[in-house]
PDB file of N, CA and C in Angstrom:
ATOM      1  N   MET A   1       0.852  -1.170   0.000  1.00  0.00           N
ATOM      2  CA  MET A   1       0.000   0.000   0.000  1.00  0.00           C
ATOM      3  C   MET A   1       0.902   1.240   0.000  1.00  0.00           C
ATOM      4  N   THR A   2       0.520   2.224  -0.795  1.00  0.00           N
ATOM      5  CA  THR A   2       1.278   3.469  -0.874  1.00  0.00           C
ATOM      6  C   THR A   2       0.355   4.661  -0.642  1.00  0.00           C
ATOM      7  N   PHE A   3       0.947   5.790  -0.281  1.00  0.00           N
ATOM      8  CA  PHE A   3       0.208   7.025  -0.039  1.00  0.00           C
ATOM      9  C   PHE A   3       0.837   8.138  -0.869  1.00  0.00           C
ATOM     10  N   GLU A   4       0.022   9.088  -1.274  1.00  0.00           N
ATOM     11  CA  GLU A   4       0.525  10.243  -2.003  1.00  0.00           C
ATOM     12  C   GLU A   4       0.530  11.462  -1.097  1.00  0.00           C
ATOM     13  N   PHE A   5       1.638  12.168  -1.103  1.00  0.00           N
ATOM     14  CA  PHE A   5       1.806  13.416  -0.371  1.00  0.00           C
ATOM     15  C   PHE A   5       2.207  14.479  -1.377  1.00  0.00           C
ATOM     16  N   TYR A   6       1.821  15.726  -1.119  1.00  0.00           N
ATOM     17  CA  TYR A   6       2.233  16.824  -1.981  1.00  0.00           C
ATOM     18  C   TYR A   6       3.477  17.466  -1.390  1.00  0.00           C
ATOM     19  N   ASP A   7       4.519  17.555  -2.187  1.00  0.00           N
ATOM     20  CA  ASP A   7       5.772  18.166  -1.773  1.00  0.00           C
ATOM     21  C   ASP A   7       5.787  19.609  -2.269  1.00  0.00           C
ATOM     22  N   ASP A   8       5.659  20.561  -1.333  1.00  0.00           N
ATOM     23  CA  ASP A   8       5.608  21.976  -1.695  1.00  0.00           C
ATOM     24  C   ASP A   8       6.909  22.450  -2.342  1.00  0.00           C
ATOM     25  N   LYS A   9       8.017  21.975  -1.859  1.00  0.00           N
ATOM     26  CA  LYS A   9       9.311  22.422  -2.385  1.00  0.00           C
ATOM     27  C   LYS A   9       9.491  21.977  -3.838  1.00  0.00           C
ATOM     28  N   LEU A  10       9.133  20.723  -4.122  1.00  0.00           N
ATOM     29  CA  LEU A  10       9.285  20.195  -5.474  1.00  0.00           C
ATOM     30  C   LEU A  10       8.056  20.473  -6.352  1.00  0.00           C
ATOM     31  N   ARG A  11       6.957  20.881  -5.705  1.00  0.00           N
ATOM     32  CA  ARG A  11       5.687  21.163  -6.394  1.00  0.00           C
ATOM     33  C   ARG A  11       5.197  19.966  -7.202  1.00  0.00           C
ATOM     34  N   THR A  12       5.207  18.817  -6.539  1.00  0.00           N
ATOM     35  CA  THR A  12       4.754  17.596  -7.186  1.00  0.00           C
ATOM     36  C   THR A  12       4.251  16.618  -6.132  1.00  0.00           C
ATOM     37  N   ASN A  13       3.493  15.618  -6.571  1.00  0.00           N
ATOM     38  CA  ASN A  13       3.050  14.559  -5.666  1.00  0.00           C
ATOM     39  C   ASN A  13       4.161  13.533  -5.511  1.00  0.00           C
ATOM     40  N   VAL A  14       4.292  13.027  -4.295  1.00  0.00           N
ATOM     41  CA  VAL A  14       5.311  12.038  -3.976  1.00  0.00           C
ATOM     42  C   VAL A  14       4.608  10.797  -3.459  1.00  0.00           C
ATOM     43  N   THR A  15       4.963   9.640  -3.979  1.00  0.00           N
ATOM     44  CA  THR A  15       4.392   8.372  -3.524  1.00  0.00           C
ATOM     45  C   THR A  15       5.306   7.778  -2.462  1.00  0.00           C
ATOM     46  N   VAL A  16       4.681   7.407  -1.316  1.00  0.00           N
ATOM     47  CA  VAL A  16       5.440   6.920  -0.164  1.00  0.00           C
ATOM     48  C   VAL A  16       4.886   5.567   0.258  1.00  0.00           C
ATOM     49  N   PRO A  17       5.746   4.577   0.525  1.00  0.00           N
ATOM     50  CA  PRO A  17       5.259   3.278   0.999  1.00  0.00           C
ATOM     51  C   PRO A  17       4.710   3.372   2.426  1.00  0.00           C
ATOM     52  N   LYS A  18       3.832   2.450   2.754  1.00  0.00           N
ATOM     53  CA  LYS A  18       3.138   2.448   4.050  1.00  0.00           C
ATOM     54  C   LYS A  18       4.098   2.406   5.233  1.00  0.00           C
ATOM     55  N   ASP A  19       5.223   1.703   5.101  1.00  0.00           N
ATOM     56  CA  ASP A  19       6.148   1.568   6.236  1.00  0.00           C
ATOM     57  C   ASP A  19       6.905   2.863   6.558  1.00  0.00           C
ATOM     58  N   LYS A  20       6.778   3.885   5.730  1.00  0.00           N
ATOM     59  CA  LYS A  20       7.424   5.180   5.975  1.00  0.00           C
ATOM     60  C   LYS A  20       6.432   6.234   6.477  1.00  0.00           C
ATOM     61  N   VAL A  21       5.188   5.820   6.769  1.00  0.00           N
ATOM     62  CA  VAL A  21       4.119   6.751   7.144  1.00  0.00           C
ATOM     63  C   VAL A  21       3.725   6.528   8.598  1.00  0.00           C
ATOM     64  N   SER A  22       3.440   7.614   9.306  1.00  0.00           N
ATOM     65  CA  SER A  22       2.883   7.537  10.664  1.00  0.00           C
ATOM     66  C   SER A  22       1.662   8.454  10.706  1.00  0.00           C
ATOM     67  N   LYS A  23       0.846   8.297  11.742  1.00  0.00           N
ATOM     68  CA  LYS A  23      -0.353   9.139  11.856  1.00  0.00           C
ATOM     69  C   LYS A  23      -0.297   9.933  13.157  1.00  0.00           C
ATOM     70  N   THR A  24      -0.983  11.076  13.159  1.00  0.00           N
ATOM     71  CA  THR A  24      -0.976  11.949  14.319  1.00  0.00           C
ATOM     72  C   THR A  24      -2.265  12.746  14.382  1.00  0.00           C
ATOM     73  N   ILE A  25      -2.512  13.320  15.550  1.00  0.00           N
ATOM     74  CA  ILE A  25      -3.674  14.184  15.766  1.00  0.00           C
ATOM     75  C   ILE A  25      -3.173  15.559  16.184  1.00  0.00           C
ATOM     76  N   HIS A  26      -3.701  16.589  15.539  1.00  0.00           N
ATOM     77  CA  HIS A  26      -3.389  17.973  15.913  1.00  0.00           C
ATOM     78  C   HIS A  26      -4.634  18.575  16.546  1.00  0.00           C
ATOM     79  N   ARG A  27      -4.498  19.106  17.753  1.00  0.00           N
ATOM     80  CA  ARG A  27      -5.617  19.770  18.430  1.00  0.00           C
ATOM     81  C   ARG A  27      -5.236  21.225  18.671  1.00  0.00           C
ATOM     82  N   GLN A  28      -6.130  22.124  18.222  1.00  0.00           N
ATOM     83  CA  GLN A  28      -5.858  23.543  18.399  1.00  0.00           C
ATOM     84  C   GLN A  28      -7.182  24.305  18.395  1.00  0.00           C
ATOM     85  N   ASP A  29      -7.352  25.169  19.379  1.00  0.00           N
ATOM     86  CA  ASP A  29      -8.550  26.013  19.481  1.00  0.00           C
ATOM     87  C   ASP A  29      -9.845  25.203  19.414  1.00  0.00           C
ATOM     88  N   GLY A  30      -9.863  24.054  20.058  1.00  0.00           N
ATOM     89  CA  GLY A  30     -11.067  23.234  20.102  1.00  0.00           C
ATOM     90  C   GLY A  30     -11.327  22.417  18.845  1.00  0.00           C
ATOM     91  N   GLN A  31     -10.437  22.457  17.882  1.00  0.00           N
ATOM     92  CA  GLN A  31     -10.593  21.681  16.654  1.00  0.00           C
ATOM     93  C   GLN A  31      -9.593  20.537  16.645  1.00  0.00           C
ATOM     94  N   THR A  32     -10.002  19.435  16.025  1.00  0.00           N
ATOM     95  CA  THR A  32      -9.134  18.270  15.911  1.00  0.00           C
ATOM     96  C   THR A  32      -8.905  17.970  14.439  1.00  0.00           C
ATOM     97  N   GLN A  33      -7.644  17.814  14.064  1.00  0.00           N
ATOM     98  CA  GLN A  33      -7.295  17.463  12.696  1.00  0.00           C
ATOM     99  C   GLN A  33      -6.509  16.164  12.716  1.00  0.00           C
ATOM    100  N   TYR A  34      -6.830  15.285  11.779  1.00  0.00           N
ATOM    101  CA  TYR A  34      -6.170  13.988  11.661  1.00  0.00           C
ATOM    102  C   TYR A  34      -5.241  14.040  10.454  1.00  0.00           C
ATOM    103  N   ALA A  35      -4.011  13.575  10.636  1.00  0.00           N
ATOM    104  CA  ALA A  35      -3.023  13.705   9.566  1.00  0.00           C
ATOM    105  C   ALA A  35      -2.102  12.503   9.491  1.00  0.00           C
ATOM    106  N   LEU A  36      -1.536  12.330   8.301  1.00  0.00           N
ATOM    107  CA  LEU A  36      -0.488  11.351   8.067  1.00  0.00           C
ATOM    108  C   LEU A  36       0.805  12.119   7.856  1.00  0.00           C
ATOM    109  N   LEU A  37       1.895  11.576   8.373  1.00  0.00           N
ATOM    110  CA  LEU A  37       3.201  12.227   8.285  1.00  0.00           C
ATOM    111  C   LEU A  37       4.211  11.302   7.615  1.00  0.00           C
ATOM    112  N   THR A  38       5.143  11.906   6.896  1.00  0.00           N
ATOM    113  CA  THR A  38       6.290  11.183   6.367  1.00  0.00           C
ATOM    114  C   THR A  38       7.445  12.171   6.265  1.00  0.00           C
ATOM    115  N   ARG A  39       8.638  11.653   6.095  1.00  0.00           N
ATOM    116  CA  ARG A  39       9.824  12.510   5.939  1.00  0.00           C
ATOM    117  C   ARG A  39      10.461  12.241   4.584  1.00  0.00           C
ATOM    118  N   THR A  40      10.981  13.306   4.001  1.00  0.00           N
ATOM    119  CA  THR A  40      11.675  13.169   2.725  1.00  0.00           C
ATOM    120  C   THR A  40      13.117  12.745   2.979  1.00  0.00           C
ATOM    121  N   ILE A  41      13.839  12.489   1.908  1.00  0.00           N
ATOM    122  CA  ILE A  41      15.235  12.087   2.025  1.00  0.00           C
ATOM    123  C   ILE A  41      16.064  13.183   2.693  1.00  0.00           C
ATOM    124  N   ASP A  42      15.729  14.454   2.415  1.00  0.00           N
ATOM    125  CA  ASP A  42      16.465  15.560   3.034  1.00  0.00           C
ATOM    126  C   ASP A  42      15.823  16.016   4.343  1.00  0.00           C
ATOM    127  N   ASP A  43      15.044  15.135   4.975  1.00  0.00           N
ATOM    128  CA  ASP A  43      14.498  15.280   6.325  1.00  0.00           C
ATOM    129  C   ASP A  43      13.432  16.381   6.479  1.00  0.00           C
ATOM    130  N   ARG A  44      12.709  16.677   5.404  1.00  0.00           N
ATOM    131  CA  ARG A  44      11.565  17.582   5.516  1.00  0.00           C
ATOM    132  C   ARG A  44      10.322  16.756   5.823  1.00  0.00           C
ATOM    133  N   ILE A  45       9.393  17.336   6.568  1.00  0.00           N
ATOM    134  CA  ILE A  45       8.157  16.637   6.926  1.00  0.00           C
ATOM    135  C   ILE A  45       7.078  16.968   5.903  1.00  0.00           C
ATOM    136  N   LEU A  46       6.411  15.929   5.413  1.00  0.00           N
ATOM    137  CA  LEU A  46       5.257  16.107   4.533  1.00  0.00           C
ATOM    138  C   LEU A  46       4.022  15.660   5.304  1.00  0.00           C
ATOM    139  N   ILE A  47       2.933  16.427   5.184  1.00  0.00           N
ATOM    140  CA  ILE A  47       1.707  16.154   5.926  1.00  0.00           C
ATOM    141  C   ILE A  47       0.554  15.985   4.945  1.00  0.00           C
ATOM    142  N   ARG A  48      -0.286  15.006   5.207  1.00  0.00           N
ATOM    143  CA  ARG A  48      -1.510  14.814   4.436  1.00  0.00           C
ATOM    144  C   ARG A  48      -2.664  14.710   5.429  1.00  0.00           C
ATOM    145  N   HIS A  49      -3.611  15.631   5.346  1.00  0.00           N
ATOM    146  CA  HIS A  49      -4.766  15.606   6.235  1.00  0.00           C
ATOM    147  C   HIS A  49      -5.790  14.610   5.708  1.00  0.00           C
ATOM    148  N   VAL A  50      -6.366  13.830   6.623  1.00  0.00           N
ATOM    149  CA  VAL A  50      -7.349  12.807   6.258  1.00  0.00           C
ATOM    150  C   VAL A  50      -8.553  12.915   7.185  1.00  0.00           C
ATOM    151  N   SER A  51      -9.637  12.249   6.816  1.00  0.00           N
ATOM    152  CA  SER A  51     -10.827  12.237   7.662  1.00  0.00           C
ATOM    153  C   SER A  51     -10.604  11.315   8.862  1.00  0.00           C
ATOM    154  N   LYS A  52     -11.421  11.477   9.884  1.00  0.00           N
ATOM    155  CA  LYS A  52     -11.307  10.627  11.076  1.00  0.00           C
ATOM    156  C   LYS A  52     -11.549   9.165  10.725  1.00  0.00           C
ATOM    157  N   GLY A  53     -12.506   8.910   9.844  1.00  0.00           N
ATOM    158  CA  GLY A  53     -12.795   7.537   9.428  1.00  0.00           C
ATOM    159  C   GLY A  53     -11.605   6.874   8.762  1.00  0.00           C
ATOM    160  N   ASP A  54     -10.956   7.588   7.854  1.00  0.00           N
ATOM    161  CA  ASP A  54      -9.761   7.053   7.193  1.00  0.00           C
ATOM    162  C   ASP A  54      -8.626   6.879   8.190  1.00  0.00           C
ATOM    163  N   TRP A  55      -8.480   7.841   9.107  1.00  0.00           N
ATOM    164  CA  TRP A  55      -7.419   7.785  10.118  1.00  0.00           C
ATOM    165  C   TRP A  55      -7.598   6.561  11.011  1.00  0.00           C
ATOM    166  N   ASP A  56      -8.846   6.289  11.414  1.00  0.00           N
ATOM    167  CA  ASP A  56      -9.124   5.143  12.281  1.00  0.00           C
ATOM    168  C   ASP A  56      -8.842   3.812  11.582  1.00  0.00           C
ATOM    169  N   LYS A  57      -9.077   3.736  10.280  1.00  0.00           N
ATOM    170  CA  LYS A  57      -8.894   2.496   9.521  1.00  0.00           C
ATOM    171  C   LYS A  57      -7.425   2.124   9.323  1.00  0.00           C
ATOM    172  N   LEU A  58      -6.553   3.124   9.324  1.00  0.00           N
ATOM    173  CA  LEU A  58      -5.154   2.865   8.993  1.00  0.00           C
ATOM    174  C   LEU A  58      -4.405   2.167  10.120  1.00  0.00           C
ATOM    175  N   SER A  59      -3.632   1.182   9.740  1.00  0.00           N
ATOM    176  CA  SER A  59      -2.825   0.459  10.733  1.00  0.00           C
ATOM    177  C   SER A  59      -1.349   0.839  10.549  1.00  0.00           C
ATOM    178  N   VAL A  60      -1.068   2.111  10.845  1.00  0.00           N
ATOM    179  CA  VAL A  60       0.312   2.616  10.821  1.00  0.00           C
ATOM    180  C   VAL A  60       0.613   3.157  12.224  1.00  0.00           C
ATOM    181  N   PRO A  61       1.902   3.267  12.599  1.00  0.00           N
ATOM    182  CA  PRO A  61       2.236   3.750  13.939  1.00  0.00           C
ATOM    183  C   PRO A  61       1.742   5.172  14.184  1.00  0.00           C
ATOM    184  N   GLU A  62       1.367   5.439  15.421  1.00  0.00           N
ATOM    185  CA  GLU A  62       0.910   6.770  15.783  1.00  0.00           C
ATOM    186  C   GLU A  62       2.063   7.554  16.398  1.00  0.00           C
ATOM    187  N   GLU A  63       2.275   8.753  15.862  1.00  0.00           N
ATOM    188  CA  GLU A  63       3.327   9.631  16.371  1.00  0.00           C
ATOM    189  C   GLU A  63       2.709  10.638  17.322  1.00  0.00           C
ATOM    190  N   ARG A  64       3.371  10.899  18.410  1.00  0.00           N
ATOM    191  CA  ARG A  64       2.828  11.843  19.383  1.00  0.00           C
ATOM    192  C   ARG A  64       3.622  13.115  19.404  1.00  0.00           C
TER     193      ARG A  64
END
């Protein structure tokens, strides 16, 4: 299974394998956002926001 992330620096979509992806929750001002995280080769973080349903279904490690 692979995921697509948008790389702002390269201005293109990047395909990432499942074993390089983690999930996290961002809470701010009473709002909750669910996201997937990955790192590029040059150690930049790429974020993809997903719905709670999709976030719950994924079996990837959770980053805190």
